[in-house]
Amino acid sequence: MDIFVTCPKCTNQHQITAVLTAQSNQNVIYTCPTCQYEQKNIETKKG
C-alpha cells in the first residue's frame, strides 16, 4: 500500500518514502521534490 503526502505549498503529491527523512532525535524533515519546500523538526510519536 502506497501512502502519499500532499505538499502544503504546491499541493503536489509524492510517496511518503520520497519526501520524509528521519533525524536522530525522532523527528523528520519533509522536502518536496517539486517545489523544494522544506519543513524541519516535524515531531513524531515514538512507540
PDB file of N, CA and C in Angstrom:
ATOM      1  N   MET A   1       0.844  -1.187   0.000  1.00  0.00           N
ATOM      2  CA  MET A   1       0.000   0.000   0.000  1.00  0.00           C
ATOM      3  C   MET A   1       0.888   1.248   0.000  1.00  0.00           C
ATOM      4  N   ASP A   2       0.683   2.103  -0.974  1.00  0.00           N
ATOM      5  CA  ASP A   2       1.455   3.338  -1.057  1.00  0.00           C
ATOM      6  C   ASP A   2       0.739   4.445  -0.284  1.00  0.00           C
ATOM      7  N   ILE A   3       1.523   5.199   0.466  1.00  0.00           N
ATOM      8  CA  ILE A   3       0.999   6.347   1.197  1.00  0.00           C
ATOM      9  C   ILE A   3       1.562   7.599   0.544  1.00  0.00           C
ATOM     10  N   PHE A   4       0.671   8.540   0.220  1.00  0.00           N
ATOM     11  CA  PHE A   4       1.084   9.773  -0.433  1.00  0.00           C
ATOM     12  C   PHE A   4       0.905  10.962   0.494  1.00  0.00           C
ATOM     13  N   VAL A   5       1.823  11.935   0.379  1.00  0.00           N
ATOM     14  CA  VAL A   5       1.798  13.154   1.175  1.00  0.00           C
ATOM     15  C   VAL A   5       1.599  14.319   0.213  1.00  0.00           C
ATOM     16  N   THR A   6       0.722  15.255   0.577  1.00  0.00           N
ATOM     17  CA  THR A   6       0.464  16.441  -0.239  1.00  0.00           C
ATOM     18  C   THR A   6       1.282  17.613   0.285  1.00  0.00           C
ATOM     19  N   CYS A   7       2.020  18.251  -0.590  1.00  0.00           N
ATOM     20  CA  CYS A   7       2.830  19.412  -0.215  1.00  0.00           C
ATOM     21  C   CYS A   7       1.920  20.575   0.156  1.00  0.00           C
ATOM     22  N   PRO A   8       2.161  21.226   1.308  1.00  0.00           N
ATOM     23  CA  PRO A   8       1.326  22.363   1.699  1.00  0.00           C
ATOM     24  C   PRO A   8       1.549  23.615   0.847  1.00  0.00           C
ATOM     25  N   LYS A   9       2.645  23.653   0.094  1.00  0.00           N
ATOM     26  CA  LYS A   9       2.940  24.837  -0.727  1.00  0.00           C
ATOM     27  C   LYS A   9       2.423  24.681  -2.159  1.00  0.00           C
ATOM     28  N   CYS A  10       2.802  23.614  -2.850  1.00  0.00           N
ATOM     29  CA  CYS A  10       2.437  23.462  -4.265  1.00  0.00           C
ATOM     30  C   CYS A  10       1.316  22.443  -4.493  1.00  0.00           C
ATOM     31  N   THR A  11       0.918  21.726  -3.472  1.00  0.00           N
ATOM     32  CA  THR A  11      -0.151  20.711  -3.466  1.00  0.00           C
ATOM     33  C   THR A  11       0.119  19.482  -4.329  1.00  0.00           C
ATOM     34  N   ASN A  12       1.343  19.294  -4.796  1.00  0.00           N
ATOM     35  CA  ASN A  12       1.686  18.061  -5.491  1.00  0.00           C
ATOM     36  C   ASN A  12       1.786  16.928  -4.484  1.00  0.00           C
ATOM     37  N   GLN A  13       1.527  15.713  -4.942  1.00  0.00           N
ATOM     38  CA  GLN A  13       1.588  14.551  -4.067  1.00  0.00           C
ATOM     39  C   GLN A  13       2.771  13.670  -4.426  1.00  0.00           C
ATOM     40  N   HIS A  14       3.429  13.142  -3.387  1.00  0.00           N
ATOM     41  CA  HIS A  14       4.566  12.248  -3.573  1.00  0.00           C
ATOM     42  C   HIS A  14       4.488  11.135  -2.535  1.00  0.00           C
ATOM     43  N   GLN A  15       5.119  10.010  -2.846  1.00  0.00           N
ATOM     44  CA  GLN A  15       5.143   8.904  -1.895  1.00  0.00           C
ATOM     45  C   GLN A  15       5.868   9.338  -0.630  1.00  0.00           C
ATOM     46  N   ILE A  16       5.375   8.849   0.501  1.00  0.00           N
ATOM     47  CA  ILE A  16       5.919   9.260   1.799  1.00  0.00           C
ATOM     48  C   ILE A  16       7.410   8.942   1.917  1.00  0.00           C
ATOM     49  N   THR A  17       7.850   7.832   1.329  1.00  0.00           N
ATOM     50  CA  THR A  17       9.264   7.450   1.422  1.00  0.00           C
ATOM     51  C   THR A  17      10.168   8.377   0.615  1.00  0.00           C
ATOM     52  N   ALA A  18       9.591   9.122  -0.332  1.00  0.00           N
ATOM     53  CA  ALA A  18      10.389  10.022  -1.168  1.00  0.00           C
ATOM     54  C   ALA A  18      10.528  11.409  -0.565  1.00  0.00           C
ATOM     55  N   VAL A  19       9.696  11.754   0.435  1.00  0.00           N
ATOM     56  CA  VAL A  19       9.691  13.131   0.932  1.00  0.00           C
ATOM     57  C   VAL A  19      10.090  13.278   2.400  1.00  0.00           C
ATOM     58  N   LEU A  20      10.132  12.188   3.152  1.00  0.00           N
ATOM     59  CA  LEU A  20      10.478  12.282   4.570  1.00  0.00           C
ATOM     60  C   LEU A  20      11.858  11.705   4.840  1.00  0.00           C
ATOM     61  N   THR A  21      12.638  12.415   5.654  1.00  0.00           N
ATOM     62  CA  THR A  21      13.967  11.970   6.073  1.00  0.00           C
ATOM     63  C   THR A  21      13.986  11.920   7.590  1.00  0.00           C
ATOM     64  N   ALA A  22      14.351  10.776   8.151  1.00  0.00           N
ATOM     65  CA  ALA A  22      14.388  10.626   9.605  1.00  0.00           C
ATOM     66  C   ALA A  22      15.609  11.318  10.189  1.00  0.00           C
ATOM     67  N   GLN A  23      15.425  11.931  11.366  1.00  0.00           N
ATOM     68  CA  GLN A  23      16.521  12.541  12.105  1.00  0.00           C
ATOM     69  C   GLN A  23      16.807  11.688  13.334  1.00  0.00           C
ATOM     70  N   SER A  24      17.956  11.865  13.933  1.00  0.00           N
ATOM     71  CA  SER A  24      18.344  11.064  15.093  1.00  0.00           C
ATOM     72  C   SER A  24      17.540  11.392  16.345  1.00  0.00           C
ATOM     73  N   ASN A  25      16.847  12.528  16.364  1.00  0.00           N
ATOM     74  CA  ASN A  25      16.088  12.928  17.551  1.00  0.00           C
ATOM     75  C   ASN A  25      14.614  12.536  17.449  1.00  0.00           C
ATOM     76  N   GLN A  26      14.287  11.521  16.656  1.00  0.00           N
ATOM     77  CA  GLN A  26      12.928  11.004  16.459  1.00  0.00           C
ATOM     78  C   GLN A  26      12.036  11.929  15.630  1.00  0.00           C
ATOM     79  N   ASN A  27      12.563  13.024  15.121  1.00  0.00           N
ATOM     80  CA  ASN A  27      11.810  13.923  14.262  1.00  0.00           C
ATOM     81  C   ASN A  27      12.101  13.604  12.802  1.00  0.00           C
ATOM     82  N   VAL A  28      11.347  14.207  11.888  1.00  0.00           N
ATOM     83  CA  VAL A  28      11.584  14.002  10.465  1.00  0.00           C
ATOM     84  C   VAL A  28      11.643  15.343   9.744  1.00  0.00           C
ATOM     85  N   ILE A  29      12.225  15.326   8.543  1.00  0.00           N
ATOM     86  CA  ILE A  29      12.279  16.504   7.674  1.00  0.00           C
ATOM     87  C   ILE A  29      11.455  16.181   6.432  1.00  0.00           C
ATOM     88  N   TYR A  30      10.543  17.083   6.074  1.00  0.00           N
ATOM     89  CA  TYR A  30       9.764  16.940   4.840  1.00  0.00           C
ATOM     90  C   TYR A  30      10.389  17.832   3.777  1.00  0.00           C
ATOM     91  N   THR A  31      10.670  17.275   2.597  1.00  0.00           N
ATOM     92  CA  THR A  31      11.196  18.045   1.472  1.00  0.00           C
ATOM     93  C   THR A  31      10.409  17.691   0.221  1.00  0.00           C
ATOM     94  N   CYS A  32       9.817  18.690  -0.426  1.00  0.00           N
ATOM     95  CA  CYS A  32       9.051  18.465  -1.652  1.00  0.00           C
ATOM     96  C   CYS A  32       9.998  18.443  -2.852  1.00  0.00           C
ATOM     97  N   PRO A  33      10.018  17.344  -3.625  1.00  0.00           N
ATOM     98  CA  PRO A  33      10.902  17.288  -4.790  1.00  0.00           C
ATOM     99  C   PRO A  33      10.466  18.207  -5.928  1.00  0.00           C
ATOM    100  N   THR A  34       9.231  18.665  -5.912  1.00  0.00           N
ATOM    101  CA  THR A  34       8.728  19.535  -6.982  1.00  0.00           C
ATOM    102  C   THR A  34       9.112  20.989  -6.763  1.00  0.00           C
ATOM    103  N   CYS A  35       8.765  21.541  -5.597  1.00  0.00           N
ATOM    104  CA  CYS A  35       8.987  22.984  -5.361  1.00  0.00           C
ATOM    105  C   CYS A  35      10.099  23.262  -4.345  1.00  0.00           C
ATOM    106  N   GLN A  36      10.702  22.212  -3.780  1.00  0.00           N
ATOM    107  CA  GLN A  36      11.803  22.317  -2.813  1.00  0.00           C
ATOM    108  C   GLN A  36      11.378  22.887  -1.465  1.00  0.00           C
ATOM    109  N   TYR A  37      10.069  22.953  -1.200  1.00  0.00           N
ATOM    110  CA  TYR A  37       9.588  23.375   0.119  1.00  0.00           C
ATOM    111  C   TYR A  37      10.136  22.404   1.157  1.00  0.00           C
ATOM    112  N   GLU A  38      10.570  22.943   2.296  1.00  0.00           N
ATOM    113  CA  GLU A  38      11.143  22.095   3.342  1.00  0.00           C
ATOM    114  C   GLU A  38      10.581  22.484   4.699  1.00  0.00           C
ATOM    115  N   GLN A  39      10.223  21.477   5.467  1.00  0.00           N
ATOM    116  CA  GLN A  39       9.799  21.704   6.841  1.00  0.00           C
ATOM    117  C   GLN A  39      10.620  20.767   7.717  1.00  0.00           C
ATOM    118  N   LYS A  40      11.287  21.357   8.719  1.00  0.00           N
ATOM    119  CA  LYS A  40      12.190  20.587   9.571  1.00  0.00           C
ATOM    120  C   LYS A  40      11.575  20.341  10.943  1.00  0.00           C
ATOM    121  N   ASN A  41      12.127  19.363  11.626  1.00  0.00           N
ATOM    122  CA  ASN A  41      11.785  19.036  13.012  1.00  0.00           C
ATOM    123  C   ASN A  41      10.301  18.741  13.214  1.00  0.00           C
ATOM    124  N   ILE A  42       9.729  17.942  12.324  1.00  0.00           N
ATOM    125  CA  ILE A  42       8.352  17.502  12.488  1.00  0.00           C
ATOM    126  C   ILE A  42       8.356  16.411  13.553  1.00  0.00           C
ATOM    127  N   GLU A  43       7.617  16.631  14.638  1.00  0.00           N
ATOM    128  CA  GLU A  43       7.629  15.678  15.738  1.00  0.00           C
ATOM    129  C   GLU A  43       6.863  14.422  15.372  1.00  0.00           C
ATOM    130  N   THR A  44       7.396  13.291  15.813  1.00  0.00           N
ATOM    131  CA  THR A  44       6.723  12.007  15.633  1.00  0.00           C
ATOM    132  C   THR A  44       6.516  11.376  16.991  1.00  0.00           C
ATOM    133  N   LYS A  45       5.615  10.433  17.041  1.00  0.00           N
ATOM    134  CA  LYS A  45       5.363   9.714  18.290  1.00  0.00           C
ATOM    135  C   LYS A  45       6.165   8.422  18.272  1.00  0.00           C
ATOM    136  N   LYS A  46       6.970   8.215  19.275  1.00  0.00           N
ATOM    137  CA  LYS A  46       7.783   7.010  19.363  1.00  0.00           C
ATOM    138  C   LYS A  46       6.938   5.890  19.969  1.00  0.00           C
ATOM    139  N   GLY A  47       7.057   4.716  19.407  1.00  0.00           N
ATOM    140  CA  GLY A  47       6.372   3.586  20.005  1.00  0.00           C
ATOM    141  C   GLY A  47       5.553   2.881  19.008  1.00  0.00           C
TER     142      GLY A  47
END
